PDB file of all heavy atoms in Angstrom:
ATOM      1  N   ASP A   1       8.722   0.794  -4.159  1.00  0.00           N
ATOM      2  CA  ASP A   1       9.443   1.699  -5.045  1.00  0.00           C
ATOM      3  C   ASP A   1       8.532   2.503  -5.955  1.00  0.00           C
ATOM      4  O   ASP A   1       9.000   3.308  -6.755  1.00  0.00           O
ATOM      5  CB  ASP A   1      10.476   0.925  -5.877  1.00  0.00           C
ATOM      6  CG  ASP A   1      11.599   0.367  -5.008  1.00  0.00           C
ATOM      7  OD1 ASP A   1      12.159   1.136  -4.216  1.00  0.00           O
ATOM      8  OD2 ASP A   1      11.887  -0.829  -5.110  1.00  0.00           O
ATOM      9  N   SER A   2       7.224   2.277  -5.867  1.00  0.00           N
ATOM     10  CA  SER A   2       6.295   3.059  -6.658  1.00  0.00           C
ATOM     11  C   SER A   2       6.043   4.401  -5.986  1.00  0.00           C
ATOM     12  O   SER A   2       6.113   4.514  -4.753  1.00  0.00           O
ATOM     13  CB  SER A   2       4.966   2.312  -6.802  1.00  0.00           C
ATOM     14  OG  SER A   2       5.162   1.092  -7.491  1.00  0.00           O
ATOM     15  N   PRO A   3       5.735   5.448  -6.773  1.00  0.00           N
ATOM     16  CA  PRO A   3       5.447   6.758  -6.178  1.00  0.00           C
ATOM     17  C   PRO A   3       4.262   6.703  -5.240  1.00  0.00           C
ATOM     18  O   PRO A   3       3.281   6.021  -5.505  1.00  0.00           O
ATOM     19  CB  PRO A   3       5.144   7.619  -7.412  1.00  0.00           C
ATOM     20  CG  PRO A   3       5.785   6.925  -8.559  1.00  0.00           C
ATOM     21  CD  PRO A   3       5.694   5.478  -8.250  1.00  0.00           C
ATOM     22  N   VAL A   4       4.364   7.414  -4.129  1.00  0.00           N
ATOM     23  CA  VAL A   4       3.261   7.479  -3.153  1.00  0.00           C
ATOM     24  C   VAL A   4       2.395   8.684  -3.474  1.00  0.00           C
ATOM     25  O   VAL A   4       2.865   9.820  -3.473  1.00  0.00           O
ATOM     26  CB  VAL A   4       3.828   7.577  -1.706  1.00  0.00           C
ATOM     27  CG1 VAL A   4       2.700   7.792  -0.722  1.00  0.00           C
ATOM     28  CG2 VAL A   4       4.617   6.336  -1.364  1.00  0.00           C
ATOM     29  N   LYS A   5       1.150   8.433  -3.795  1.00  0.00           N
ATOM     30  CA  LYS A   5       0.261   9.518  -4.235  1.00  0.00           C
ATOM     31  C   LYS A   5      -0.925   9.754  -3.297  1.00  0.00           C
ATOM     32  O   LYS A   5      -1.660  10.714  -3.489  1.00  0.00           O
ATOM     33  CB  LYS A   5      -0.285   9.189  -5.634  1.00  0.00           C
ATOM     34  CG  LYS A   5       0.781   8.860  -6.668  1.00  0.00           C
ATOM     35  CD  LYS A   5       0.144   8.403  -7.944  1.00  0.00           C
ATOM     36  CE  LYS A   5       1.177   7.935  -8.937  1.00  0.00           C
ATOM     37  NZ  LYS A   5       0.547   7.437 -10.189  1.00  0.00           N
ATOM     38  N   GLU A   6      -1.107   8.868  -2.358  1.00  0.00           N
ATOM     39  CA  GLU A   6      -2.313   8.922  -1.518  1.00  0.00           C
ATOM     40  C   GLU A   6      -2.334  10.148  -0.605  1.00  0.00           C
ATOM     41  O   GLU A   6      -1.505  10.309   0.269  1.00  0.00           O
ATOM     42  CB  GLU A   6      -2.444   7.653  -0.690  1.00  0.00           C
ATOM     43  CG  GLU A   6      -2.647   6.391  -1.499  1.00  0.00           C
ATOM     44  CD  GLU A   6      -4.017   6.340  -2.145  1.00  0.00           C
ATOM     45  OE1 GLU A   6      -4.877   7.142  -1.762  1.00  0.00           O
ATOM     46  OE2 GLU A   6      -4.185   5.508  -3.047  1.00  0.00           O
ATOM     47  N   GLU A   7      -3.279  11.037  -0.840  1.00  0.00           N
ATOM     48  CA  GLU A   7      -3.380  12.227   0.005  1.00  0.00           C
ATOM     49  C   GLU A   7      -3.920  11.916   1.389  1.00  0.00           C
ATOM     50  O   GLU A   7      -3.777  12.697   2.318  1.00  0.00           O
ATOM     51  CB  GLU A   7      -4.303  13.250  -0.692  1.00  0.00           C
ATOM     52  CG  GLU A   7      -3.751  13.746  -2.024  1.00  0.00           C
ATOM     53  CD  GLU A   7      -4.697  14.732  -2.688  1.00  0.00           C
ATOM     54  OE1 GLU A   7      -5.774  14.975  -2.117  1.00  0.00           O
ATOM     55  OE2 GLU A   7      -4.347  15.255  -3.764  1.00  0.00           O
ATOM     56  N   LYS A   8      -4.574  10.753   1.532  1.00  0.00           N
ATOM     57  CA  LYS A   8      -5.183  10.400   2.820  1.00  0.00           C
ATOM     58  C   LYS A   8      -4.211   9.731   3.777  1.00  0.00           C
ATOM     59  O   LYS A   8      -4.573   9.371   4.892  1.00  0.00           O
ATOM     60  CB  LYS A   8      -6.377   9.479   2.586  1.00  0.00           C
ATOM     61  CG  LYS A   8      -7.520  10.137   1.804  1.00  0.00           C
ATOM     62  CD  LYS A   8      -8.665   9.185   1.589  1.00  0.00           C
ATOM     63  CE  LYS A   8      -9.780   9.833   0.795  1.00  0.00           C
ATOM     64  NZ  LYS A   8     -10.914   8.898   0.555  1.00  0.00           N
ATOM     65  N   LEU A   9      -2.967   9.559   3.351  1.00  0.00           N
ATOM     66  CA  LEU A   9      -1.975   8.900   4.193  1.00  0.00           C
ATOM     67  C   LEU A   9      -1.575   9.811   5.349  1.00  0.00           C
ATOM     68  O   LEU A   9      -1.526  11.038   5.201  1.00  0.00           O
ATOM     69  CB  LEU A   9      -0.738   8.555   3.388  1.00  0.00           C
ATOM     70  CG  LEU A   9      -0.803   7.310   2.520  1.00  0.00           C
ATOM     71  CD1 LEU A   9       0.397   7.238   1.589  1.00  0.00           C
ATOM     72  CD2 LEU A   9      -0.884   6.047   3.372  1.00  0.00           C
ATOM     73  N   PRO A  10      -1.264   9.238   6.511  1.00  0.00           N
ATOM     74  CA  PRO A  10      -0.755  10.039   7.636  1.00  0.00           C
ATOM     75  C   PRO A  10       0.557  10.732   7.253  1.00  0.00           C
ATOM     76  O   PRO A  10       1.318  10.228   6.445  1.00  0.00           O
ATOM     77  CB  PRO A  10      -0.545   8.989   8.751  1.00  0.00           C
ATOM     78  CG  PRO A  10      -1.371   7.831   8.350  1.00  0.00           C
ATOM     79  CD  PRO A  10      -1.402   7.810   6.854  1.00  0.00           C
ATOM     80  N   ARG A  11       0.789  11.871   7.906  1.00  0.00           N
ATOM     81  CA  ARG A  11       2.028  12.620   7.580  1.00  0.00           C
ATOM     82  C   ARG A  11       3.281  11.835   7.877  1.00  0.00           C
ATOM     83  O   ARG A  11       4.266  11.957   7.159  1.00  0.00           O
ATOM     84  CB  ARG A  11       2.025  13.918   8.411  1.00  0.00           C
ATOM     85  CG  ARG A  11       1.006  14.947   7.937  1.00  0.00           C
ATOM     86  CD  ARG A  11       1.158  16.239   8.706  1.00  0.00           C
ATOM     87  NE  ARG A  11       0.186  17.256   8.247  1.00  0.00           N
ATOM     88  CZ  ARG A  11       0.116  18.491   8.743  1.00  0.00           C
ATOM     89  NH1 ARG A  11       0.929  18.851   9.742  1.00  0.00           N
ATOM     90  NH2 ARG A  11      -0.790  19.311   8.263  1.00  0.00           N
ATOM     91  N   GLU A  12       3.239  11.005   8.915  1.00  0.00           N
ATOM     92  CA  GLU A  12       4.443  10.229   9.249  1.00  0.00           C
ATOM     93  C   GLU A  12       4.791   9.233   8.146  1.00  0.00           C
ATOM     94  O   GLU A  12       5.970   8.955   7.887  1.00  0.00           O
ATOM     95  CB  GLU A  12       4.267   9.493  10.600  1.00  0.00           C
ATOM     96  CG  GLU A  12       3.080   8.544  10.625  1.00  0.00           C
ATOM     97  CD  GLU A  12       2.885   7.904  11.991  1.00  0.00           C
ATOM     98  OE1 GLU A  12       3.900   7.750  12.721  1.00  0.00           O
ATOM     99  OE2 GLU A  12       1.747   7.576  12.350  1.00  0.00           O
ATOM    100  N   VAL A  13       3.774   8.711   7.473  1.00  0.00           N
ATOM    101  CA  VAL A  13       4.030   7.796   6.353  1.00  0.00           C
ATOM    102  C   VAL A  13       4.567   8.551   5.153  1.00  0.00           C
ATOM    103  O   VAL A  13       5.513   8.117   4.494  1.00  0.00           O
ATOM    104  CB  VAL A  13       2.732   7.052   5.969  1.00  0.00           C
ATOM    105  CG1 VAL A  13       2.970   6.164   4.742  1.00  0.00           C
ATOM    106  CG2 VAL A  13       2.254   6.196   7.136  1.00  0.00           C
ATOM    107  N   LEU A  14       3.984   9.728   4.879  1.00  0.00           N
ATOM    108  CA  LEU A  14       4.461  10.549   3.760  1.00  0.00           C
ATOM    109  C   LEU A  14       5.896  11.007   3.987  1.00  0.00           C
ATOM    110  O   LEU A  14       6.717  11.019   3.052  1.00  0.00           O
ATOM    111  CB  LEU A  14       3.547  11.748   3.575  1.00  0.00           C
ATOM    112  CG  LEU A  14       2.118  11.431   3.102  1.00  0.00           C
ATOM    113  CD1 LEU A  14       1.258  12.692   3.094  1.00  0.00           C
ATOM    114  CD2 LEU A  14       2.148  10.815   1.719  1.00  0.00           C
ATOM    115  N   ARG A  15       6.213  11.373   5.233  1.00  0.00           N
ATOM    116  CA  ARG A  15       7.580  11.778   5.549  1.00  0.00           C
ATOM    117  C   ARG A  15       8.571  10.625   5.341  1.00  0.00           C
ATOM    118  O   ARG A  15       9.669  10.800   4.813  1.00  0.00           O
ATOM    119  CB  ARG A  15       7.680  12.306   6.978  1.00  0.00           C
ATOM    120  CG  ARG A  15       7.083  13.710   7.172  1.00  0.00           C
ATOM    121  CD  ARG A  15       7.545  14.309   8.498  1.00  0.00           C
ATOM    122  NE  ARG A  15       7.043  13.543   9.631  1.00  0.00           N
ATOM    123  CZ  ARG A  15       5.943  13.795  10.279  1.00  0.00           C
ATOM    124  NH1 ARG A  15       5.181  14.811   9.903  1.00  0.00           N
ATOM    125  NH2 ARG A  15       5.556  13.066  11.298  1.00  0.00           N
ATOM    126  N   LEU A  16       8.144   9.449   5.776  1.00  0.00           N
ATOM    127  CA  LEU A  16       8.968   8.250   5.641  1.00  0.00           C
ATOM    128  C   LEU A  16       9.199   7.920   4.157  1.00  0.00           C
ATOM    129  O   LEU A  16      10.317   7.597   3.748  1.00  0.00           O
ATOM    130  CB  LEU A  16       8.318   7.063   6.349  1.00  0.00           C
ATOM    131  CG  LEU A  16       9.116   5.744   6.354  1.00  0.00           C
ATOM    132  CD1 LEU A  16      10.442   5.902   7.067  1.00  0.00           C
ATOM    133  CD2 LEU A  16       8.260   4.665   7.009  1.00  0.00           C
ATOM    134  N   ALA A  17       8.130   8.016   3.375  1.00  0.00           N
ATOM    135  CA  ALA A  17       8.234   7.739   1.940  1.00  0.00           C
ATOM    136  C   ALA A  17       9.158   8.737   1.240  1.00  0.00           C
ATOM    137  O   ALA A  17       9.973   8.370   0.377  1.00  0.00           O
ATOM    138  CB  ALA A  17       6.853   7.760   1.302  1.00  0.00           C
ATOM    139  N   THR A  18       9.065  10.004   1.620  1.00  0.00           N
ATOM    140  CA  THR A  18       9.932  11.041   1.038  1.00  0.00           C
ATOM    141  C   THR A  18      11.380  10.783   1.411  1.00  0.00           C
ATOM    142  O   THR A  18      12.282  10.897   0.572  1.00  0.00           O
ATOM    143  CB  THR A  18       9.485  12.433   1.531  1.00  0.00           C
ATOM    144  OG1 THR A  18       8.135  12.685   1.143  1.00  0.00           O
ATOM    145  CG2 THR A  18      10.401  13.519   0.954  1.00  0.00           C
ATOM    146  N   ALA A  19      11.623  10.445   2.683  1.00  0.00           N
ATOM    147  CA  ALA A  19      12.983  10.161   3.132  1.00  0.00           C
ATOM    148  C   ALA A  19      13.586   8.967   2.394  1.00  0.00           C
ATOM    149  O   ALA A  19      14.765   8.976   2.001  1.00  0.00           O
ATOM    150  CB  ALA A  19      12.989   9.900   4.646  1.00  0.00           C
ATOM    151  N   TYR A  20      12.764   7.935   2.171  1.00  0.00           N
ATOM    152  CA  TYR A  20      13.228   6.743   1.444  1.00  0.00           C
ATOM    153  C   TYR A  20      13.604   7.086   0.000  1.00  0.00           C
ATOM    154  O   TYR A  20      14.648   6.655  -0.503  1.00  0.00           O
ATOM    155  CB  TYR A  20      12.149   5.675   1.442  1.00  0.00           C
ATOM    156  CG  TYR A  20      12.455   4.484   0.581  1.00  0.00           C
ATOM    157  CD1 TYR A  20      13.534   3.660   0.831  1.00  0.00           C
ATOM    158  CD2 TYR A  20      11.654   4.169  -0.543  1.00  0.00           C
ATOM    159  CE1 TYR A  20      13.830   2.560   0.018  1.00  0.00           C
ATOM    160  CE2 TYR A  20      11.926   3.097  -1.349  1.00  0.00           C
ATOM    161  CZ  TYR A  20      13.030   2.309  -1.063  1.00  0.00           C
ATOM    162  OH  TYR A  20      13.312   1.216  -1.875  1.00  0.00           O
ATOM    163  N   THR A  21      12.795   7.913  -0.650  1.00  0.00           N
ATOM    164  CA  THR A  21      13.070   8.300  -2.012  1.00  0.00           C
ATOM    165  C   THR A  21      14.394   9.063  -2.115  1.00  0.00           C
ATOM    166  O   THR A  21      15.219   8.810  -2.994  1.00  0.00           O
ATOM    167  CB  THR A  21      11.937   9.180  -2.572  1.00  0.00           C
ATOM    168  OG1 THR A  21      10.708   8.441  -2.546  1.00  0.00           O
ATOM    169  CG2 THR A  21      12.227   9.634  -3.984  1.00  0.00           C
ATOM    170  N   ILE A  22      14.609   9.975  -1.178  1.00  0.00           N
ATOM    171  CA  ILE A  22      15.851  10.763  -1.155  1.00  0.00           C
ATOM    172  C   ILE A  22      17.052   9.861  -0.889  1.00  0.00           C
ATOM    173  O   ILE A  22      18.088   9.962  -1.576  1.00  0.00           O
ATOM    174  CB  ILE A  22      15.763  11.875  -0.099  1.00  0.00           C
ATOM    175  CG1 ILE A  22      14.700  12.910  -0.498  1.00  0.00           C
ATOM    176  CG2 ILE A  22      17.120  12.566   0.094  1.00  0.00           C
ATOM    177  CD1 ILE A  22      14.410  13.925   0.570  1.00  0.00           C
ATOM    178  N   GLN A  23      16.931   8.972   0.110  1.00  0.00           N
ATOM    179  CA  GLN A  23      18.043   8.080   0.445  1.00  0.00           C
ATOM    180  C   GLN A  23      18.372   7.133  -0.723  1.00  0.00           C
ATOM    181  O   GLN A  23      19.530   6.829  -0.982  1.00  0.00           O
ATOM    182  CB  GLN A  23      17.695   7.284   1.697  1.00  0.00           C
ATOM    183  CG  GLN A  23      17.663   8.145   2.955  1.00  0.00           C
ATOM    184  CD  GLN A  23      17.071   7.374   4.140  1.00  0.00           C
ATOM    185  OE1 GLN A  23      16.750   6.196   4.057  1.00  0.00           O
ATOM    186  NE2 GLN A  23      16.916   8.082   5.271  1.00  0.00           N
ATOM    187  N   LYS A  24      17.328   6.667  -1.422  1.00  0.00           N
ATOM    188  CA  LYS A  24      17.513   5.770  -2.544  1.00  0.00           C
ATOM    189  C   LYS A  24      18.272   6.452  -3.668  1.00  0.00           C
ATOM    190  O   LYS A  24      19.190   5.883  -4.282  1.00  0.00           O
ATOM    191  CB  LYS A  24      16.155   5.265  -3.038  1.00  0.00           C
ATOM    192  CG  LYS A  24      16.209   4.229  -4.133  1.00  0.00           C
ATOM    193  CD  LYS A  24      14.830   3.640  -4.397  1.00  0.00           C
ATOM    194  CE  LYS A  24      13.834   4.691  -4.797  1.00  0.00           C
ATOM    195  NZ  LYS A  24      12.540   4.114  -5.239  1.00  0.00           N
ATOM    196  N   GLU A  25      17.904   7.712  -3.952  1.00  0.00           N
ATOM    197  CA  GLU A  25      18.565   8.475  -4.988  1.00  0.00           C
ATOM    198  C   GLU A  25      20.029   8.766  -4.601  1.00  0.00           C
ATOM    199  O   GLU A  25      20.919   8.693  -5.454  1.00  0.00           O
ATOM    200  CB  GLU A  25      17.833   9.784  -5.247  1.00  0.00           C
ATOM    201  CG  GLU A  25      16.455   9.579  -5.915  1.00  0.00           C
ATOM    202  CD  GLU A  25      15.696  10.855  -6.083  1.00  0.00           C
ATOM    203  OE1 GLU A  25      16.146  11.891  -5.575  1.00  0.00           O
ATOM    204  OE2 GLU A  25      14.614  10.827  -6.736  1.00  0.00           O
ATOM    205  N   GLN A  26      20.252   9.089  -3.334  1.00  0.00           N
ATOM    206  CA  GLN A  26      21.603   9.368  -2.875  1.00  0.00           C
ATOM    207  C   GLN A  26      22.479   8.108  -2.948  1.00  0.00           C
ATOM    208  O   GLN A  26      23.655   8.185  -3.358  1.00  0.00           O
ATOM    209  CB  GLN A  26      21.568   9.879  -1.438  1.00  0.00           C
ATOM    210  CG  GLN A  26      20.996  11.278  -1.298  1.00  0.00           C
ATOM    211  CD  GLN A  26      20.854  11.735   0.147  1.00  0.00           C
ATOM    212  OE1 GLN A  26      20.825  10.898   1.075  1.00  0.00           O
ATOM    213  NE2 GLN A  26      20.731  13.027   0.356  1.00  0.00           N
ATOM    214  N   LEU A  27      21.935   6.966  -2.570  1.00  0.00           N
ATOM    215  CA  LEU A  27      22.662   5.708  -2.638  1.00  0.00           C
ATOM    216  C   LEU A  27      23.066   5.410  -4.079  1.00  0.00           C
ATOM    217  O   LEU A  27      24.218   5.057  -4.361  1.00  0.00           O
ATOM    218  CB  LEU A  27      21.805   4.586  -2.085  1.00  0.00           C
ATOM    219  CG  LEU A  27      22.376   3.140  -2.224  1.00  0.00           C
ATOM    220  CD1 LEU A  27      23.678   3.024  -1.460  1.00  0.00           C
ATOM    221  CD2 LEU A  27      21.369   2.120  -1.774  1.00  0.00           C
ATOM    222  N   GLY A  28      22.099   5.535  -5.007  1.00  0.00           N
ATOM    223  CA  GLY A  28      22.399   5.256  -6.404  1.00  0.00           C
ATOM    224  C   GLY A  28      23.480   6.170  -6.943  1.00  0.00           C
ATOM    225  O   GLY A  28      24.370   5.726  -7.664  1.00  0.00           O
ATOM    226  N   GLU A  29      23.410   7.433  -6.576  1.00  0.00           N
ATOM    227  CA  GLU A  29      24.389   8.390  -7.070  1.00  0.00           C
ATOM    228  C   GLU A  29      25.781   8.118  -6.487  1.00  0.00           C
ATOM    229  O   GLU A  29      26.801   8.266  -7.181  1.00  0.00           O
ATOM    230  CB  GLU A  29      23.942   9.814  -6.725  1.00  0.00           C
ATOM    231  CG  GLU A  29      24.774  10.903  -7.365  1.00  0.00           C
ATOM    232  CD  GLU A  29      24.769  10.890  -8.868  1.00  0.00           C
ATOM    233  OE1 GLU A  29      23.763  10.451  -9.457  1.00  0.00           O
ATOM    234  OE2 GLU A  29      25.791  11.305  -9.480  1.00  0.00           O
ATOM    235  N   GLN A  30      25.853   7.718  -5.245  1.00  0.00           N
ATOM    236  CA  GLN A  30      27.130   7.365  -4.614  1.00  0.00           C
ATOM    237  C   GLN A  30      27.805   6.205  -5.336  1.00  0.00           C
ATOM    238  O   GLN A  30      29.005   6.248  -5.613  1.00  0.00           O
ATOM    239  CB  GLN A  30      26.922   7.026  -3.136  1.00  0.00           C
ATOM    240  CG  GLN A  30      26.597   8.231  -2.255  1.00  0.00           C
ATOM    241  CD  GLN A  30      26.183   7.824  -0.851  1.00  0.00           C
ATOM    242  OE1 GLN A  30      26.146   6.629  -0.523  1.00  0.00           O
ATOM    243  NE2 GLN A  30      25.851   8.787  -0.030  1.00  0.00           N
ATOM    244  N   ILE A  31      27.042   5.184  -5.655  1.00  0.00           N
ATOM    245  CA  ILE A  31      27.605   3.994  -6.322  1.00  0.00           C
ATOM    246  C   ILE A  31      27.965   4.333  -7.766  1.00  0.00           C
ATOM    247  O   ILE A  31      28.996   3.893  -8.279  1.00  0.00           O
ATOM    248  CB  ILE A  31      26.623   2.807  -6.253  1.00  0.00           C
ATOM    249  CG1 ILE A  31      26.411   2.413  -4.795  1.00  0.00           C
ATOM    250  CG2 ILE A  31      27.128   1.631  -7.067  1.00  0.00           C
ATOM    251  CD1 ILE A  31      25.362   1.336  -4.601  1.00  0.00           C
TER     252      ILE A  31
END
């Protein structure tokens, strides 16, 4: 749940982290 800051991470990991952040925010807002 900590922000992902590593610029050296593969794009697939960064995309996954971004998707998780968005889904987490959407879930919280729905509840």
